[in-house]
Amino acid sequence: MRFMLIILALVSYGAWSAPNSVAILQYHHIGDDTPRVTSVTAQELEAHFEWLKDNDFVVMSLSEIQQRLASGESLPEYTAAITIDDGWRNVYRNGLAVFKKYRYPFTIFVNPKLMAEAPTQYMSWQQLKELQKYGANIANHSNSHWHMTWRNNSESVEAWRERVRKDVVEAQQLIDEHLGVQAKHFAYPYGEYDEALQDILEQAGFIAFAQHSGPWSATSPLTAIPRFPASAQYASIDTLATKLKSLALPVVDFHPRQPLLAADNHTPEFVVELANTDDFDKNQMNCFAGGQVLKPTWQTNSFRVSLNKALPIGRSRVNCTVPSKSHNGRFYWYSQPFIRADQQGRWPD
């Protein structure tokens, strides 16, 4: 069903032109005393917001973008969304002044169970309610931020599915109870998902956001919407600007749809089928995996990427970019996520 909707969306474009493309920024901590890998300072956050303002970006809520993409309505040329995972208390403490100043819509994905268990680390419902006055939407990040694809020892698939469903539904009930009914948006903890988890969320009426990079468009699977990390080394506006202006490739289909890899699958490959390649030169596409630069092989409108070095255990992604012919200085961007398990079917946080 997901891919039928994608194909219908492509048909609605008629002759292909660059699709509506939305760059979603992903943050976690706001502060200078938290792990740098998931942190921006308040000064960096304000610099990002000021850059969006100075460069004529329209910042929209996830709900408005979802509605416009679904209806085929045009979006502004430069459209962005802002998301913050986990609901750390430093987001309120260090970000409040920035949110008040710019009044951009943004989404905070929270874990209600963790909020109750560690109230000094996470925002309270009252603080979240206050942030709603300045543009915040509050959404679901699971109840307790766990590796949702992992099954317990001897747990059946049916029991795992029910455990996941219950976790997501209970978290949403708590969010709605405290803050009013919120959009059914979900962010995967650690950005981890598989087809079974996608199906559970789709059946429960959610759209879901991952952590592989790339712009959101009408061709994005609605349970694997990409986001650009904007913390640590990714906080530099020099490199972030290219991502914010990126364009979504006209993807019709891709394989594998399953990001999870067995331990012995060291060098996977993937294939992406496009509606056409009219707005770029195939020979200019490059793909990047860690330190590797990979050249895709093409067959008509499909490209294949094969890794030649082993992926590490855990989460990885391969990013493919190619410059647009008609949009000067802008790049098409596609990201393929992988999660390689160890022999026990696990990986680090």
C-alpha atoms as a PDB file:
ATOM      1  CA  MET A   1       0.000   0.000   0.000  1.00  0.00           C
ATOM      2  CA  ARG A   2       2.798   2.464   0.868  1.00  0.00           C
ATOM      3  CA  PHE A   3       4.424   2.095  -2.542  1.00  0.00           C
ATOM      4  CA  MET A   4       1.117   2.295  -4.426  1.00  0.00           C
ATOM      5  CA  LEU A   5       0.608   5.705  -2.807  1.00  0.00           C
ATOM      6  CA  ILE A   6       4.093   6.722  -3.898  1.00  0.00           C
ATOM      7  CA  ILE A   7       3.441   5.717  -7.506  1.00  0.00           C
ATOM      8  CA  LEU A   8       0.118   7.573  -7.514  1.00  0.00           C
ATOM      9  CA  ALA A   9       1.911  10.646  -6.203  1.00  0.00           C
ATOM     10  CA  LEU A  10       4.421  10.431  -9.037  1.00  0.00           C
ATOM     11  CA  VAL A  11       1.697  10.088 -11.628  1.00  0.00           C
ATOM     12  CA  SER A  12       0.068  13.258 -10.303  1.00  0.00           C
ATOM     13  CA  TYR A  13       3.174  15.263 -11.211  1.00  0.00           C
ATOM     14  CA  GLY A  14       2.731  14.506 -14.934  1.00  0.00           C
ATOM     15  CA  ALA A  15       5.891  15.544 -16.739  1.00  0.00           C
ATOM     16  CA  TRP A  16       8.560  15.311 -14.095  1.00  0.00           C
ATOM     17  CA  SER A  17       9.842  18.399 -12.348  1.00  0.00           C
ATOM     18  CA  ALA A  18      11.693  18.633  -9.068  1.00  0.00           C
ATOM     19  CA  PRO A  19       9.190  17.625  -6.378  1.00  0.00           C
ATOM     20  CA  ASN A  20       8.199  19.531  -3.284  1.00  0.00           C
ATOM     21  CA  SER A  21      11.146  18.867  -0.997  1.00  0.00           C
ATOM     22  CA  VAL A  22      11.222  19.552   2.743  1.00  0.00           C
ATOM     23  CA  ALA A  23      14.350  19.450   4.869  1.00  0.00           C
ATOM     24  CA  ILE A  24      13.573  18.281   8.413  1.00  0.00           C
ATOM     25  CA  LEU A  25      16.162  19.238  11.017  1.00  0.00           C
ATOM     26  CA  GLN A  26      16.667  16.843  13.920  1.00  0.00           C
ATOM     27  CA  TYR A  27      17.955  17.976  17.320  1.00  0.00           C
ATOM     28  CA  HIS A  28      18.290  16.344  20.757  1.00  0.00           C
ATOM     29  CA  HIS A  29      20.050  18.342  23.504  1.00  0.00           C
ATOM     30  CA  ILE A  30      20.380  22.119  23.628  1.00  0.00           C
ATOM     31  CA  GLY A  31      23.380  22.963  25.790  1.00  0.00           C
ATOM     32  CA  ASP A  32      27.149  22.955  26.136  1.00  0.00           C
ATOM     33  CA  ASP A  33      27.345  20.456  29.018  1.00  0.00           C
ATOM     34  CA  THR A  34      25.790  17.434  27.268  1.00  0.00           C
ATOM     35  CA  PRO A  35      27.302  14.889  24.839  1.00  0.00           C
ATOM     36  CA  ARG A  36      28.446  16.898  21.829  1.00  0.00           C
ATOM     37  CA  VAL A  37      27.390  14.189  19.385  1.00  0.00           C
ATOM     38  CA  THR A  38      23.716  14.948  20.143  1.00  0.00           C
ATOM     39  CA  SER A  39      23.971  18.596  21.166  1.00  0.00           C
ATOM     40  CA  VAL A  40      23.749  22.118  19.828  1.00  0.00           C
ATOM     41  CA  THR A  41      24.300  25.180  21.915  1.00  0.00           C
ATOM     42  CA  ALA A  42      21.573  27.798  22.204  1.00  0.00           C
ATOM     43  CA  GLN A  43      23.798  30.071  20.112  1.00  0.00           C
ATOM     44  CA  GLU A  44      24.035  27.460  17.348  1.00  0.00           C
ATOM     45  CA  LEU A  45      20.289  26.872  17.418  1.00  0.00           C
ATOM     46  CA  GLU A  46      19.630  30.600  17.088  1.00  0.00           C
ATOM     47  CA  ALA A  47      22.143  30.810  14.239  1.00  0.00           C
ATOM     48  CA  HIS A  48      20.244  28.051  12.419  1.00  0.00           C
ATOM     49  CA  PHE A  49      16.921  29.812  12.934  1.00  0.00           C
ATOM     50  CA  GLU A  50      18.365  33.150  11.845  1.00  0.00           C
ATOM     51  CA  TRP A  51      19.810  31.539   8.695  1.00  0.00           C
ATOM     52  CA  LEU A  52      16.400  30.101   7.835  1.00  0.00           C
ATOM     53  CA  LYS A  53      14.886  33.571   8.209  1.00  0.00           C
ATOM     54  CA  ASP A  54      17.614  35.324   6.219  1.00  0.00           C
ATOM     55  CA  ASN A  55      17.416  32.791   3.373  1.00  0.00           C
ATOM     56  CA  ASP A  56      13.659  32.984   2.862  1.00  0.00           C
ATOM     57  CA  PHE A  57      12.806  29.560   4.260  1.00  0.00           C
ATOM     58  CA  VAL A  58       9.241  28.862   5.284  1.00  0.00           C
ATOM     59  CA  VAL A  59       9.185  26.710   8.424  1.00  0.00           C
ATOM     60  CA  MET A  60       6.046  24.577   8.658  1.00  0.00           C
ATOM     61  CA  SER A  61       4.612  22.123  11.126  1.00  0.00           C
ATOM     62  CA  LEU A  62       4.810  18.444  10.255  1.00  0.00           C
ATOM     63  CA  SER A  63       1.020  18.328  10.109  1.00  0.00           C
ATOM     64  CA  GLU A  64       0.774  21.091   7.518  1.00  0.00           C
ATOM     65  CA  ILE A  65       3.487  19.524   5.389  1.00  0.00           C
ATOM     66  CA  GLN A  66       1.794  16.133   5.629  1.00  0.00           C
ATOM     67  CA  GLN A  67      -1.508  17.623   4.470  1.00  0.00           C
ATOM     68  CA  ARG A  68       0.028  19.551   1.576  1.00  0.00           C
ATOM     69  CA  LEU A  69       2.050  16.618   0.271  1.00  0.00           C
ATOM     70  CA  ALA A  70      -0.965  14.311   0.504  1.00  0.00           C
ATOM     71  CA  SER A  71      -3.153  16.742  -1.443  1.00  0.00           C
ATOM     72  CA  GLY A  72      -0.542  17.553  -4.079  1.00  0.00           C
ATOM     73  CA  GLU A  73      -0.535  21.193  -3.048  1.00  0.00           C
ATOM     74  CA  SER A  74       2.618  23.121  -3.838  1.00  0.00           C
ATOM     75  CA  LEU A  75       5.036  24.042  -1.096  1.00  0.00           C
ATOM     76  CA  PRO A  76       7.324  27.081  -1.014  1.00  0.00           C
ATOM     77  CA  GLU A  77      10.614  26.566  -2.845  1.00  0.00           C
ATOM     78  CA  TYR A  78      12.508  26.505   0.439  1.00  0.00           C
ATOM     79  CA  THR A  79      10.546  24.676   3.114  1.00  0.00           C
ATOM     80  CA  ALA A  80      11.893  23.297   6.390  1.00  0.00           C
ATOM     81  CA  ALA A  81      10.632  21.601   9.535  1.00  0.00           C
ATOM     82  CA  ILE A  82      12.183  21.418  12.996  1.00  0.00           C
ATOM     83  CA  THR A  83      12.124  18.356  15.256  1.00  0.00           C
ATOM     84  CA  ILE A  84      13.630  17.671  18.665  1.00  0.00           C
ATOM     85  CA  ASP A  85      13.885  14.132  20.052  1.00  0.00           C
ATOM     86  CA  ASP A  86      13.602  12.921  23.649  1.00  0.00           C
ATOM     87  CA  GLY A  87      12.243  16.005  25.433  1.00  0.00           C
ATOM     88  CA  TRP A  88      15.338  16.739  27.516  1.00  0.00           C
ATOM     89  CA  ARG A  89      14.867  19.422  30.146  1.00  0.00           C
ATOM     90  CA  ASN A  90      17.714  21.488  28.657  1.00  0.00           C
ATOM     91  CA  VAL A  91      15.536  22.043  25.578  1.00  0.00           C
ATOM     92  CA  TYR A  92      13.206  24.106  27.758  1.00  0.00           C
ATOM     93  CA  ARG A  93      15.946  25.680  29.869  1.00  0.00           C
ATOM     94  CA  ASN A  94      18.240  26.719  27.009  1.00  0.00           C
ATOM     95  CA  GLY A  95      15.875  26.890  24.059  1.00  0.00           C
ATOM     96  CA  LEU A  96      12.888  28.789  25.421  1.00  0.00           C
ATOM     97  CA  ALA A  97      14.243  32.238  24.569  1.00  0.00           C
ATOM     98  CA  VAL A  98      14.991  31.148  20.990  1.00  0.00           C
ATOM     99  CA  PHE A  99      11.535  29.621  20.532  1.00  0.00           C
ATOM    100  CA  LYS A 100       9.905  32.788  21.889  1.00  0.00           C
ATOM    101  CA  LYS A 101      11.934  34.998  19.543  1.00  0.00           C
ATOM    102  CA  TYR A 102      11.264  33.135  16.281  1.00  0.00           C
ATOM    103  CA  ARG A 103       7.897  31.466  16.947  1.00  0.00           C
ATOM    104  CA  TYR A 104       8.662  28.759  14.373  1.00  0.00           C
ATOM    105  CA  PRO A 105       6.504  25.637  14.550  1.00  0.00           C
ATOM    106  CA  PHE A 106       8.497  22.645  15.818  1.00  0.00           C
ATOM    107  CA  THR A 107       7.841  19.135  17.072  1.00  0.00           C
ATOM    108  CA  ILE A 108       9.171  17.578  20.272  1.00  0.00           C
ATOM    109  CA  PHE A 109       9.083  13.779  20.363  1.00  0.00           C
ATOM    110  CA  VAL A 110       8.747  12.577  23.974  1.00  0.00           C
ATOM    111  CA  ASN A 111       8.867   9.359  26.012  1.00  0.00           C
ATOM    112  CA  PRO A 112       6.145   9.633  28.705  1.00  0.00           C
ATOM    113  CA  LYS A 113       7.443   6.743  30.834  1.00  0.00           C
ATOM    114  CA  LEU A 114      10.936   8.248  31.007  1.00  0.00           C
ATOM    115  CA  MET A 115       9.429  11.621  31.891  1.00  0.00           C
ATOM    116  CA  ALA A 116       7.813  10.010  34.947  1.00  0.00           C
ATOM    117  CA  GLU A 117      10.886   7.978  35.917  1.00  0.00           C
ATOM    118  CA  ALA A 118      13.484  10.772  35.554  1.00  0.00           C
ATOM    119  CA  PRO A 119      11.681  14.096  36.083  1.00  0.00           C
ATOM    120  CA  THR A 120      14.904  16.036  36.648  1.00  0.00           C
ATOM    121  CA  GLN A 121      16.229  15.047  33.211  1.00  0.00           C
ATOM    122  CA  TYR A 122      13.123  15.431  31.060  1.00  0.00           C
ATOM    123  CA  MET A 123      10.643  18.240  30.565  1.00  0.00           C
ATOM    124  CA  SER A 124       7.453  18.172  32.574  1.00  0.00           C
ATOM    125  CA  TRP A 125       4.004  18.239  31.028  1.00  0.00           C
ATOM    126  CA  GLN A 126       3.663  21.821  32.253  1.00  0.00           C
ATOM    127  CA  GLN A 127       6.855  22.875  30.504  1.00  0.00           C
ATOM    128  CA  LEU A 128       5.725  21.167  27.306  1.00  0.00           C
ATOM    129  CA  LYS A 129       2.389  22.943  27.605  1.00  0.00           C
ATOM    130  CA  GLU A 130       4.198  26.271  27.888  1.00  0.00           C
ATOM    131  CA  LEU A 131       6.275  25.510  24.794  1.00  0.00           C
ATOM    132  CA  GLN A 132       3.041  24.877  22.894  1.00  0.00           C
ATOM    133  CA  LYS A 133       2.407  28.617  23.196  1.00  0.00           C
ATOM    134  CA  TYR A 134       5.539  29.291  21.140  1.00  0.00           C
ATOM    135  CA  GLY A 135       5.057  26.799  18.323  1.00  0.00           C
ATOM    136  CA  ALA A 136       5.645  23.348  19.825  1.00  0.00           C
ATOM    137  CA  ASN A 137       3.720  20.264  18.803  1.00  0.00           C
ATOM    138  CA  ILE A 138       4.271  17.233  21.033  1.00  0.00           C
ATOM    139  CA  ALA A 139       4.572  13.792  19.466  1.00  0.00           C
ATOM    140  CA  ASN A 140       5.329  10.153  20.217  1.00  0.00           C
ATOM    141  CA  HIS A 141       8.846   8.728  20.659  1.00  0.00           C
ATOM    142  CA  SER A 142       7.667   5.479  22.313  1.00  0.00           C
ATOM    143  CA  ASN A 143       7.045   5.163  26.032  1.00  0.00           C
ATOM    144  CA  SER A 144      10.604   4.436  27.138  1.00  0.00           C
ATOM    145  CA  HIS A 145      13.046   4.827  24.201  1.00  0.00           C
ATOM    146  CA  TRP A 146      13.922   1.189  23.560  1.00  0.00           C
ATOM    147  CA  HIS A 147      15.241  -0.850  20.634  1.00  0.00           C
ATOM    148  CA  MET A 148      11.795  -1.538  19.246  1.00  0.00           C
ATOM    149  CA  THR A 149      12.799  -4.174  16.696  1.00  0.00           C
ATOM    150  CA  TRP A 150      14.358  -6.417  19.370  1.00  0.00           C
ATOM    151  CA  ARG A 151      12.348  -9.391  20.584  1.00  0.00           C
ATOM    152  CA  ASN A 152      12.840 -10.838  24.063  1.00  0.00           C
ATOM    153  CA  ASN A 153      14.173 -14.356  24.481  1.00  0.00           C
ATOM    154  CA  SER A 154      11.516 -16.879  23.448  1.00  0.00           C
ATOM    155  CA  GLU A 155       9.086 -14.070  22.595  1.00  0.00           C
ATOM    156  CA  SER A 156       6.811 -14.868  19.653  1.00  0.00           C
ATOM    157  CA  VAL A 157       6.284 -12.449  16.811  1.00  0.00           C
ATOM    158  CA  GLU A 158       2.665 -12.029  17.921  1.00  0.00           C
ATOM    159  CA  ALA A 159       3.700 -11.214  21.504  1.00  0.00           C
ATOM    160  CA  TRP A 160       6.315  -8.727  20.253  1.00  0.00           C
ATOM    161  CA  ARG A 161       3.772  -7.037  17.981  1.00  0.00           C
ATOM    162  CA  GLU A 162       1.347  -6.649  20.878  1.00  0.00           C
ATOM    163  CA  ARG A 163       4.090  -5.270  23.140  1.00  0.00           C
ATOM    164  CA  VAL A 164       5.029  -2.678  20.509  1.00  0.00           C
ATOM    165  CA  ARG A 165       1.433  -1.734  19.788  1.00  0.00           C
ATOM    166  CA  LYS A 166       0.674  -1.313  23.489  1.00  0.00           C
ATOM    167  CA  ASP A 167       3.771   0.810  24.053  1.00  0.00           C
ATOM    168  CA  VAL A 168       2.930   3.200  21.214  1.00  0.00           C
ATOM    169  CA  VAL A 169      -0.780   3.457  22.050  1.00  0.00           C
ATOM    170  CA  GLU A 170      -0.178   4.057  25.754  1.00  0.00           C
ATOM    171  CA  ALA A 171       2.389   6.755  25.033  1.00  0.00           C
ATOM    172  CA  GLN A 172      -0.047   8.508  22.696  1.00  0.00           C
ATOM    173  CA  GLN A 173      -2.837   8.306  25.258  1.00  0.00           C
ATOM    174  CA  LEU A 174      -0.649   9.986  27.872  1.00  0.00           C
ATOM    175  CA  ILE A 175       0.413  12.735  25.471  1.00  0.00           C
ATOM    176  CA  ASP A 176      -3.181  13.447  24.437  1.00  0.00           C
ATOM    177  CA  GLU A 177      -4.400  13.326  28.047  1.00  0.00           C
ATOM    178  CA  HIS A 178      -1.917  15.945  29.228  1.00  0.00           C
ATOM    179  CA  LEU A 179      -1.659  18.213  26.192  1.00  0.00           C
ATOM    180  CA  GLY A 180      -4.805  17.763  24.143  1.00  0.00           C
ATOM    181  CA  VAL A 181      -5.112  15.553  21.087  1.00  0.00           C
ATOM    182  CA  GLN A 182      -1.866  15.644  19.122  1.00  0.00           C
ATOM    183  CA  ALA A 183      -1.050  14.520  15.584  1.00  0.00           C
ATOM    184  CA  LYS A 184      -0.188  10.836  15.259  1.00  0.00           C
ATOM    185  CA  HIS A 185       3.461  11.379  14.456  1.00  0.00           C
ATOM    186  CA  PHE A 186       6.132   8.967  15.667  1.00  0.00           C
ATOM    187  CA  ALA A 187       9.937   9.149  15.760  1.00  0.00           C
ATOM    188  CA  TYR A 188      11.773   5.839  15.972  1.00  0.00           C
ATOM    189  CA  PRO A 189      14.108   5.594  18.974  1.00  0.00           C
ATOM    190  CA  TYR A 190      17.679   5.547  17.611  1.00  0.00           C
ATOM    191  CA  GLY A 191      16.122   5.824  14.141  1.00  0.00           C
ATOM    192  CA  GLU A 192      15.719   2.034  14.083  1.00  0.00           C
ATOM    193  CA  TYR A 193      12.892   0.319  12.214  1.00  0.00           C
ATOM    194  CA  ASP A 194      12.070  -2.697  10.093  1.00  0.00           C
ATOM    195  CA  GLU A 195       9.118  -3.598   7.886  1.00  0.00           C
ATOM    196  CA  ALA A 196       7.226  -5.284  10.712  1.00  0.00           C
ATOM    197  CA  LEU A 197       7.500  -2.193  12.916  1.00  0.00           C
ATOM    198  CA  GLN A 198       6.486   0.023  10.003  1.00  0.00           C
ATOM    199  CA  ASP A 199       3.373  -2.095   9.489  1.00  0.00           C
ATOM    200  CA  ILE A 200       2.372  -1.796  13.160  1.00  0.00           C
ATOM    201  CA  LEU A 201       2.637   1.987  13.044  1.00  0.00           C
ATOM    202  CA  GLU A 202       0.838   2.250   9.731  1.00  0.00           C
ATOM    203  CA  GLN A 203      -2.038   0.117  11.027  1.00  0.00           C
ATOM    204  CA  ALA A 204      -2.236   2.336  14.126  1.00  0.00           C
ATOM    205  CA  GLY A 205      -2.584   5.422  11.930  1.00  0.00           C
ATOM    206  CA  PHE A 206       0.869   6.969  12.451  1.00  0.00           C
ATOM    207  CA  ILE A 207       3.375   8.461  10.075  1.00  0.00           C
ATOM    208  CA  ALA A 208       6.915   7.855  11.306  1.00  0.00           C
ATOM    209  CA  PHE A 209      10.245   9.651  11.149  1.00  0.00           C
ATOM    210  CA  ALA A 210      13.658   8.000  10.988  1.00  0.00           C
ATOM    211  CA  GLN A 211      17.246   9.301  11.176  1.00  0.00           C
ATOM    212  CA  HIS A 212      18.697   8.607   7.744  1.00  0.00           C
ATOM    213  CA  SER A 213      19.187  11.884   5.915  1.00  0.00           C
ATOM    214  CA  GLY A 214      17.448  13.393   2.918  1.00  0.00           C
ATOM    215  CA  PRO A 215      14.441  15.599   2.166  1.00  0.00           C
ATOM    216  CA  TRP A 216      10.813  14.626   2.722  1.00  0.00           C
ATOM    217  CA  SER A 217       8.668  14.544  -0.413  1.00  0.00           C
ATOM    218  CA  ALA A 218       5.466  12.943  -1.669  1.00  0.00           C
ATOM    219  CA  THR A 219       7.571   9.932  -2.717  1.00  0.00           C
ATOM    220  CA  SER A 220       8.899   9.275   0.797  1.00  0.00           C
ATOM    221  CA  PRO A 221       7.485   6.178   2.528  1.00  0.00           C
ATOM    222  CA  LEU A 222       5.217   7.552   5.242  1.00  0.00           C
ATOM    223  CA  THR A 223       6.705   5.257   7.862  1.00  0.00           C
ATOM    224  CA  ALA A 224      10.355   6.038   7.009  1.00  0.00           C
ATOM    225  CA  ILE A 225      10.510   9.813   6.545  1.00  0.00           C
ATOM    226  CA  PRO A 226      14.126  11.052   6.550  1.00  0.00           C
ATOM    227  CA  ARG A 227      15.578  13.851   8.664  1.00  0.00           C
ATOM    228  CA  PHE A 228      18.890  15.716   8.699  1.00  0.00           C
ATOM    229  CA  PRO A 229      20.826  15.644  11.992  1.00  0.00           C
ATOM    230  CA  ALA A 230      21.831  19.169  12.970  1.00  0.00           C
ATOM    231  CA  SER A 231      24.045  18.580  16.028  1.00  0.00           C
ATOM    232  CA  ALA A 232      27.789  18.269  16.629  1.00  0.00           C
ATOM    233  CA  GLN A 233      29.758  18.224  13.336  1.00  0.00           C
ATOM    234  CA  TYR A 234      26.466  18.600  11.475  1.00  0.00           C
ATOM    235  CA  ALA A 235      25.708  21.928  13.173  1.00  0.00           C
ATOM    236  CA  SER A 236      27.952  23.918  10.833  1.00  0.00           C
ATOM    237  CA  ILE A 237      25.716  26.146   8.744  1.00  0.00           C
ATOM    238  CA  ASP A 238      28.179  25.855   5.838  1.00  0.00           C
ATOM    239  CA  THR A 239      27.330  22.177   5.349  1.00  0.00           C
ATOM    240  CA  LEU A 240      23.801  22.378   6.747  1.00  0.00           C
ATOM    241  CA  ALA A 241      22.851  24.920   4.058  1.00  0.00           C
ATOM    242  CA  THR A 242      23.418  22.354   1.295  1.00  0.00           C
ATOM    243  CA  LYS A 243      21.188  19.869   3.089  1.00  0.00           C
ATOM    244  CA  LEU A 244      18.459  22.415   3.752  1.00  0.00           C
ATOM    245  CA  LYS A 245      18.337  23.220   0.016  1.00  0.00           C
ATOM    246  CA  SER A 246      18.484  19.587  -1.115  1.00  0.00           C
ATOM    247  CA  LEU A 247      15.948  18.031  -3.492  1.00  0.00           C
ATOM    248  CA  ALA A 248      14.297  14.623  -3.230  1.00  0.00           C
ATOM    249  CA  LEU A 249      15.082  12.131  -5.962  1.00  0.00           C
ATOM    250  CA  PRO A 250      11.943  10.954  -7.841  1.00  0.00           C
ATOM    251  CA  VAL A 251      12.012   7.495  -6.234  1.00  0.00           C
ATOM    252  CA  VAL A 252       9.493   4.944  -7.474  1.00  0.00           C
ATOM    253  CA  ASP A 253      10.821   1.978  -5.506  1.00  0.00           C
ATOM    254  CA  PHE A 254      13.919   0.731  -3.700  1.00  0.00           C
ATOM    255  CA  HIS A 255      15.346  -2.546  -2.440  1.00  0.00           C
ATOM    256  CA  PRO A 256      16.004  -3.736   0.164  1.00  0.00           C
ATOM    257  CA  ARG A 257      13.121  -2.143   2.025  1.00  0.00           C
ATOM    258  CA  GLN A 258      14.401  -3.885   5.152  1.00  0.00           C
ATOM    259  CA  PRO A 259      17.243  -1.926   6.830  1.00  0.00           C
ATOM    260  CA  LEU A 260      18.188  -4.796   9.165  1.00  0.00           C
ATOM    261  CA  LEU A 261      21.150  -6.943   8.121  1.00  0.00           C
ATOM    262  CA  ALA A 262      22.356 -10.270   9.444  1.00  0.00           C
ATOM    263  CA  ALA A 263      25.795 -10.332  11.079  1.00  0.00           C
ATOM    264  CA  ASP A 264      27.346 -12.068   8.071  1.00  0.00           C
ATOM    265  CA  ASN A 265      25.995  -9.511   5.583  1.00  0.00           C
ATOM    266  CA  HIS A 266      29.089  -7.314   5.626  1.00  0.00           C
ATOM    267  CA  THR A 267      28.823  -5.570   2.254  1.00  0.00           C
ATOM    268  CA  PRO A 268      25.182  -5.101   1.256  1.00  0.00           C
ATOM    269  CA  GLU A 269      23.935  -3.467  -1.913  1.00  0.00           C
ATOM    270  CA  PHE A 270      20.784  -1.571  -2.761  1.00  0.00           C
ATOM    271  CA  VAL A 271      18.848  -0.649  -5.884  1.00  0.00           C
ATOM    272  CA  VAL A 272      16.791   2.517  -6.405  1.00  0.00           C
ATOM    273  CA  GLU A 273      14.280   2.956  -9.232  1.00  0.00           C
ATOM    274  CA  LEU A 274      13.518   6.515 -10.336  1.00  0.00           C
ATOM    275  CA  ALA A 275      10.700   8.036 -12.362  1.00  0.00           C
ATOM    276  CA  ASN A 276      13.327   9.627 -14.598  1.00  0.00           C
ATOM    277  CA  THR A 277      16.756  11.228 -14.589  1.00  0.00           C
ATOM    278  CA  ASP A 278      15.901  14.331 -16.621  1.00  0.00           C
ATOM    279  CA  ASP A 279      17.294  16.935 -14.222  1.00  0.00           C
ATOM    280  CA  PHE A 280      20.742  15.508 -13.536  1.00  0.00           C
ATOM    281  CA  ASP A 281      23.696  13.796 -15.166  1.00  0.00           C
ATOM    282  CA  LYS A 282      23.909  10.179 -13.995  1.00  0.00           C
ATOM    283  CA  ASN A 283      27.700  10.276 -14.211  1.00  0.00           C
ATOM    284  CA  GLN A 284      27.797  12.993 -11.577  1.00  0.00           C
ATOM    285  CA  MET A 285      26.103  10.925  -8.866  1.00  0.00           C
ATOM    286  CA  ASN A 286      28.338   9.883  -5.987  1.00  0.00           C
ATOM    287  CA  CYS A 287      27.457   7.798  -2.949  1.00  0.00           C
ATOM    288  CA  PHE A 288      29.213   7.970   0.405  1.00  0.00           C
ATOM    289  CA  ALA A 289      29.544   5.279   3.074  1.00  0.00           C
ATOM    290  CA  GLY A 290      31.844   6.252   5.895  1.00  0.00           C
ATOM    291  CA  GLY A 291      35.152   6.923   4.153  1.00  0.00           C
ATOM    292  CA  GLN A 292      34.079   5.206   0.933  1.00  0.00           C
ATOM    293  CA  VAL A 293      33.132   7.051  -2.243  1.00  0.00           C
ATOM    294  CA  LEU A 294      31.036   4.739  -4.400  1.00  0.00           C
ATOM    295  CA  LYS A 295      29.933   5.097  -8.009  1.00  0.00           C
ATOM    296  CA  PRO A 296      26.497   3.656  -8.735  1.00  0.00           C
ATOM    297  CA  THR A 297      25.910   1.465 -11.753  1.00  0.00           C
ATOM    298  CA  TRP A 298      22.949   2.420 -13.917  1.00  0.00           C
ATOM    299  CA  GLN A 299      20.385   0.503 -15.911  1.00  0.00           C
ATOM    300  CA  THR A 300      17.897   2.871 -17.568  1.00  0.00           C
ATOM    301  CA  ASN A 301      16.348   4.755 -14.603  1.00  0.00           C
ATOM    302  CA  SER A 302      17.594   2.425 -11.858  1.00  0.00           C
ATOM    303  CA  PHE A 303      20.895   2.608 -10.025  1.00  0.00           C
ATOM    304  CA  ARG A 304      22.664   0.000  -7.925  1.00  0.00           C
ATOM    305  CA  VAL A 305      25.187   0.690  -5.177  1.00  0.00           C
ATOM    306  CA  SER A 306      27.472  -2.061  -3.859  1.00  0.00           C
ATOM    307  CA  LEU A 307      29.624  -1.602  -0.794  1.00  0.00           C
ATOM    308  CA  ASN A 308      33.192  -2.869  -0.982  1.00  0.00           C
ATOM    309  CA  LYS A 309      34.149  -2.482   2.686  1.00  0.00           C
ATOM    310  CA  ALA A 310      32.427  -4.177   5.605  1.00  0.00           C
ATOM    311  CA  LEU A 311      29.858  -2.163   7.509  1.00  0.00           C
ATOM    312  CA  PRO A 312      30.426  -2.040  11.271  1.00  0.00           C
ATOM    313  CA  ILE A 313      27.986  -3.608  13.715  1.00  0.00           C
ATOM    314  CA  GLY A 314      25.210  -1.095  14.366  1.00  0.00           C
ATOM    315  CA  ARG A 315      23.639   1.741  12.411  1.00  0.00           C
ATOM    316  CA  SER A 316      25.016   3.049   9.117  1.00  0.00           C
ATOM    317  CA  ARG A 317      23.745   4.892   6.097  1.00  0.00           C
ATOM    318  CA  VAL A 318      24.800   5.454   2.510  1.00  0.00           C
ATOM    319  CA  ASN A 319      24.119   8.920   1.108  1.00  0.00           C
ATOM    320  CA  CYS A 320      23.868   9.536  -2.637  1.00  0.00           C
ATOM    321  CA  THR A 321      23.936  13.044  -4.110  1.00  0.00           C
ATOM    322  CA  VAL A 322      23.914  14.556  -7.584  1.00  0.00           C
ATOM    323  CA  PRO A 323      23.673  18.215  -8.691  1.00  0.00           C
ATOM    324  CA  SER A 324      20.486  19.465 -10.310  1.00  0.00           C
ATOM    325  CA  LYS A 325      20.688  20.880 -13.828  1.00  0.00           C
ATOM    326  CA  SER A 326      17.825  23.330 -13.434  1.00  0.00           C
ATOM    327  CA  HIS A 327      18.236  24.385  -9.773  1.00  0.00           C
ATOM    328  CA  ASN A 328      21.655  25.962  -9.588  1.00  0.00           C
ATOM    329  CA  GLY A 329      23.614  24.999  -6.472  1.00  0.00           C
ATOM    330  CA  ARG A 330      21.062  22.425  -5.299  1.00  0.00           C
ATOM    331  CA  PHE A 331      21.634  18.687  -5.019  1.00  0.00           C
ATOM    332  CA  TYR A 332      19.335  15.707  -5.205  1.00  0.00           C
ATOM    333  CA  TRP A 333      19.832  13.580  -2.092  1.00  0.00           C
ATOM    334  CA  TYR A 334      18.965   9.971  -1.269  1.00  0.00           C
ATOM    335  CA  SER A 335      19.916   8.034   1.872  1.00  0.00           C
ATOM    336  CA  GLN A 336      19.789   4.277   2.416  1.00  0.00           C
ATOM    337  CA  PRO A 337      19.876   3.155   6.074  1.00  0.00           C
ATOM    338  CA  PHE A 338      21.376  -0.114   7.295  1.00  0.00           C
ATOM    339  CA  ILE A 339      21.529  -1.758  10.724  1.00  0.00           C
ATOM    340  CA  ARG A 340      23.969  -4.657  10.955  1.00  0.00           C
ATOM    341  CA  ALA A 341      23.304  -6.995  13.879  1.00  0.00           C
ATOM    342  CA  ASP A 342      25.892  -9.045  15.763  1.00  0.00           C
ATOM    343  CA  GLN A 343      25.650 -12.827  16.148  1.00  0.00           C
ATOM    344  CA  GLN A 344      23.103 -12.361  18.951  1.00  0.00           C
ATOM    345  CA  GLY A 345      20.941 -10.068  16.819  1.00  0.00           C
ATOM    346  CA  ARG A 346      21.932  -6.989  18.842  1.00  0.00           C
ATOM    347  CA  TRP A 347      23.983  -3.800  18.400  1.00  0.00           C
ATOM    348  CA  PRO A 348      25.115  -0.877  20.576  1.00  0.00           C
ATOM    349  CA  ASP A 349      22.945   2.135  21.429  1.00  0.00           C
END
